[in-house]
Amino acid sequence: MSETSIRKAFIESLSGKEREIVDLLASAGGEVVPKVRVLSLLEGRAPRTLDTYLKQIRAKMRQAGLSADALKTHVGVGYALTLESII
């Protein structure tokens, strides 16, 4: 499977909110996105909901053959997606 096919399979596996989170993180170009900014996508849901979304995104990354380590948690700060051109 080509790298493009792997990325496409990953993107297609995401739910709407998962895709919004990945889009936001990918648009930051590897820089840390503050947790409060990511939480704003969840429209008042409990902060632990974000943990669930991130867990699901990492699982889907592994399932597609991507490294889940590319989605990094910066404790007390935010999150970064270090995969180049995932979208």
Protein backbone atom coordinates (compact mmCIF):
# COMPACT_ATOMS: atom_id res chain seq x y z
CA MET A 1 0.00 0.00 0.00
CA SER A 2 1.42 3.40 -0.95
CA GLU A 3 1.92 6.19 1.56
CA THR A 4 -0.88 8.15 -0.09
CA SER A 5 -3.24 5.16 0.18
CA ILE A 6 -2.35 4.71 3.84
CA ARG A 7 -3.07 8.35 4.62
CA LYS A 8 -6.31 8.25 2.64
CA ALA A 9 -7.45 5.12 4.51
CA PHE A 10 -6.65 6.82 7.81
CA ILE A 11 -8.54 10.01 6.95
CA GLU A 12 -11.56 8.07 5.68
CA SER A 13 -11.69 6.08 8.94
CA LEU A 14 -12.13 9.20 11.08
CA SER A 15 -15.44 10.41 12.48
CA GLY A 16 -16.40 14.06 11.99
CA LYS A 17 -14.96 15.29 15.30
CA GLU A 18 -11.85 13.15 14.93
CA ARG A 19 -11.29 14.71 11.51
CA GLU A 20 -11.73 18.22 12.94
CA ILE A 21 -9.12 17.48 15.60
CA VAL A 22 -6.67 16.02 13.08
CA ASP A 23 -7.24 18.94 10.69
CA LEU A 24 -6.55 21.45 13.48
CA LEU A 25 -3.39 19.69 14.61
CA ALA A 26 -2.14 19.13 11.05
CA SER A 27 -2.68 22.80 10.21
CA ALA A 28 -0.25 23.74 12.98
CA GLY A 29 2.63 22.14 11.08
CA GLY A 30 4.00 20.15 13.99
CA GLU A 31 3.73 23.01 16.48
CA VAL A 32 1.91 22.49 19.78
CA VAL A 33 -1.76 23.45 19.70
CA PRO A 34 -2.98 24.56 23.13
CA LYS A 35 -5.34 22.09 24.79
CA VAL A 36 -7.91 24.84 25.27
CA ARG A 37 -7.98 25.39 21.49
CA VAL A 38 -8.54 21.69 20.80
CA LEU A 39 -11.23 21.55 23.49
CA SER A 40 -13.05 24.42 21.76
CA LEU A 41 -13.88 21.95 18.97
CA LEU A 42 -15.83 19.84 21.47
CA GLU A 43 -18.42 22.52 22.22
CA GLY A 44 -18.60 22.30 26.00
CA ARG A 45 -18.20 18.55 26.34
CA ALA A 46 -16.25 17.18 29.30
CA PRO A 47 -12.46 17.55 28.92
CA ARG A 48 -12.08 13.76 29.29
CA THR A 49 -13.99 13.44 26.02
CA LEU A 50 -10.90 14.80 24.29
CA ASP A 51 -8.84 11.97 25.78
CA THR A 52 -11.26 9.49 24.24
CA TYR A 53 -11.04 11.14 20.82
CA LEU A 54 -7.24 11.16 20.95
CA LYS A 55 -7.18 7.49 21.95
CA GLN A 56 -9.45 6.65 19.01
CA ILE A 57 -7.34 8.70 16.59
CA ARG A 58 -4.16 6.95 17.74
CA ALA A 59 -5.81 3.54 17.35
CA LYS A 60 -6.91 4.43 13.82
CA MET A 61 -3.40 5.66 13.01
CA ARG A 62 -1.97 2.29 14.08
CA GLN A 63 -4.69 0.43 12.18
CA ALA A 64 -3.78 2.34 9.00
CA GLY A 65 -0.07 1.60 9.46
CA LEU A 66 0.91 5.06 10.70
CA SER A 67 2.90 5.71 13.86
CA ALA A 68 0.61 6.73 16.71
CA ASP A 69 3.69 8.40 18.26
CA ALA A 70 3.22 11.18 15.70
CA LEU A 71 0.32 12.47 17.81
CA LYS A 72 2.14 13.86 20.81
CA THR A 73 0.72 15.02 24.12
CA HIS A 74 2.58 17.90 25.72
CA VAL A 75 1.38 17.56 29.31
CA GLY A 76 -0.13 20.76 30.66
CA VAL A 77 0.25 22.50 27.30
CA GLY A 78 -1.47 20.82 24.36
CA TYR A 79 -0.98 18.47 21.42
CA ALA A 80 1.08 18.25 18.25
CA LEU A 81 0.82 16.13 15.14
CA THR A 82 4.25 15.55 13.68
CA LEU A 83 3.34 13.49 10.61
CA GLU A 84 4.18 15.49 7.52
CA SER A 85 1.36 16.05 5.07
CA ILE A 86 -1.07 13.66 6.71
CA ILE A 87 -3.96 15.42 5.05
